Amino acid sequence: MKELTGNAELIFGQVPDTDQLKKELISSFPQLEKLPFLIAVDKELIQTNTPITDGQELALLPPYSGG
C-alpha cells in the first residue's frame, strides 16, 4: 500500500467513518479500488462501517494469508 500511495502515513481531514475513509482513499488513489485491503482502527480489524473519532490510529492492511 505504501508503494501505491507513495507515503507511509496519510493525513485526512475529519472523516466520520470507515466507509467515508475508503471513498476518500479511492478518490485520492484510484489504484486502491482494485486492491482488496482491510482497515484496522486502534489496532483492531474492523469488518463493518465504524465511526472514527479524532486521535484514533488507522491502518490499511493488504491481503495476507496465514496458516
C-alpha atoms as a PDB file:
ATOM      1  CA  MET A   1       0.000   0.000   0.000  1.00  0.00           C
ATOM      2  CA  LYS A   2       2.916   2.284   0.769  1.00  0.00           C
ATOM      3  CA  GLU A   3       4.253   1.731  -2.748  1.00  0.00           C
ATOM      4  CA  LEU A   4       0.882   2.575  -4.325  1.00  0.00           C
ATOM      5  CA  THR A   5       0.310   5.764  -2.343  1.00  0.00           C
ATOM      6  CA  GLY A   6       3.931   6.872  -2.134  1.00  0.00           C
ATOM      7  CA  ASN A   7       3.506   7.503   1.596  1.00  0.00           C
ATOM      8  CA  ALA A   8       3.908   5.529   4.795  1.00  0.00           C
ATOM      9  CA  GLU A   9       1.476   7.877   6.520  1.00  0.00           C
ATOM     10  CA  LEU A  10      -1.521   9.797   5.207  1.00  0.00           C
ATOM     11  CA  ILE A  11      -3.429  12.566   6.932  1.00  0.00           C
ATOM     12  CA  PHE A  12      -7.043  13.292   6.056  1.00  0.00           C
ATOM     13  CA  GLY A  13      -9.372  15.926   7.406  1.00  0.00           C
ATOM     14  CA  GLN A  14     -12.320  14.968   9.559  1.00  0.00           C
ATOM     15  CA  VAL A  15     -13.675  11.652   8.263  1.00  0.00           C
ATOM     16  CA  PRO A  16     -16.763  10.399  10.134  1.00  0.00           C
ATOM     17  CA  ASP A  17     -16.438   6.675   9.482  1.00  0.00           C
ATOM     18  CA  THR A  18     -14.503   3.952   7.696  1.00  0.00           C
ATOM     19  CA  ASP A  19     -16.857   3.868   4.682  1.00  0.00           C
ATOM     20  CA  GLN A  20     -16.132   7.552   4.034  1.00  0.00           C
ATOM     21  CA  LEU A  21     -12.423   6.918   4.601  1.00  0.00           C
ATOM     22  CA  LYS A  22     -12.457   4.246   1.873  1.00  0.00           C
ATOM     23  CA  LYS A  23     -14.228   6.639  -0.509  1.00  0.00           C
ATOM     24  CA  GLU A  24     -11.668   9.375   0.131  1.00  0.00           C
ATOM     25  CA  LEU A  25      -8.751   6.958  -0.239  1.00  0.00           C
ATOM     26  CA  ILE A  26     -10.058   5.663  -3.571  1.00  0.00           C
ATOM     27  CA  SER A  27     -10.752   9.207  -4.730  1.00  0.00           C
ATOM     28  CA  SER A  28      -7.158  10.198  -3.914  1.00  0.00           C
ATOM     29  CA  PHE A  29      -5.590   6.913  -5.061  1.00  0.00           C
ATOM     30  CA  PRO A  30      -7.820   5.276  -7.721  1.00  0.00           C
ATOM     31  CA  GLN A  31      -5.475   2.284  -7.978  1.00  0.00           C
ATOM     32  CA  LEU A  32      -6.669   1.193  -4.491  1.00  0.00           C
ATOM     33  CA  GLU A  33     -10.137   0.438  -5.882  1.00  0.00           C
ATOM     34  CA  LYS A  34      -8.873  -2.812  -7.407  1.00  0.00           C
ATOM     35  CA  LEU A  35      -6.797  -3.808  -4.395  1.00  0.00           C
ATOM     36  CA  PRO A  36      -8.610  -5.524  -1.543  1.00  0.00           C
ATOM     37  CA  PHE A  37      -7.477  -4.212   1.825  1.00  0.00           C
ATOM     38  CA  LEU A  38      -8.555  -4.291   5.437  1.00  0.00           C
ATOM     39  CA  ILE A  39      -8.805  -1.375   7.843  1.00  0.00           C
ATOM     40  CA  ALA A  40      -7.720  -1.533  11.462  1.00  0.00           C
ATOM     41  CA  VAL A  41      -8.924   1.066  13.963  1.00  0.00           C
ATOM     42  CA  ASP A  42      -6.690   1.338  17.018  1.00  0.00           C
ATOM     43  CA  LYS A  43      -5.034  -1.983  16.069  1.00  0.00           C
ATOM     44  CA  GLU A  44      -8.367  -3.818  15.819  1.00  0.00           C
ATOM     45  CA  LEU A  45      -9.514  -5.161  12.433  1.00  0.00           C
ATOM     46  CA  ILE A  46     -12.966  -3.948  11.551  1.00  0.00           C
ATOM     47  CA  GLN A  47     -15.491  -5.782   9.392  1.00  0.00           C
ATOM     48  CA  THR A  48     -18.295  -3.193   9.154  1.00  0.00           C
ATOM     49  CA  ASN A  49     -18.560   0.563   8.864  1.00  0.00           C
ATOM     50  CA  THR A  50     -17.067   2.011  12.043  1.00  0.00           C
ATOM     51  CA  PRO A  51     -17.200   5.576  13.383  1.00  0.00           C
ATOM     52  CA  ILE A  52     -13.842   7.373  13.523  1.00  0.00           C
ATOM     53  CA  THR A  53     -13.012   9.874  16.241  1.00  0.00           C
ATOM     54  CA  ASP A  54     -10.144  12.336  16.403  1.00  0.00           C
ATOM     55  CA  GLY A  55      -6.859  10.802  17.513  1.00  0.00           C
ATOM     56  CA  GLN A  56      -7.593   7.206  16.567  1.00  0.00           C
ATOM     57  CA  GLU A  57      -4.889   5.234  14.788  1.00  0.00           C
ATOM     58  CA  LEU A  58      -5.963   3.757  11.469  1.00  0.00           C
ATOM     59  CA  ALA A  59      -4.042   1.226   9.440  1.00  0.00           C
ATOM     60  CA  LEU A  60      -4.548  -0.121   5.935  1.00  0.00           C
ATOM     61  CA  LEU A  61      -3.580  -3.763   5.613  1.00  0.00           C
ATOM     62  CA  PRO A  62      -3.002  -5.528   2.297  1.00  0.00           C
ATOM     63  CA  PRO A  63      -4.394  -9.007   1.711  1.00  0.00           C
ATOM     64  CA  TYR A  64      -2.499 -11.718   3.516  1.00  0.00           C
ATOM     65  CA  SER A  65      -2.814 -15.395   4.213  1.00  0.00           C
ATOM     66  CA  GLY A  66      -1.856 -17.448   7.165  1.00  0.00           C
ATOM     67  CA  GLY A  67      -1.824 -20.970   8.265  1.00  0.00           C
END
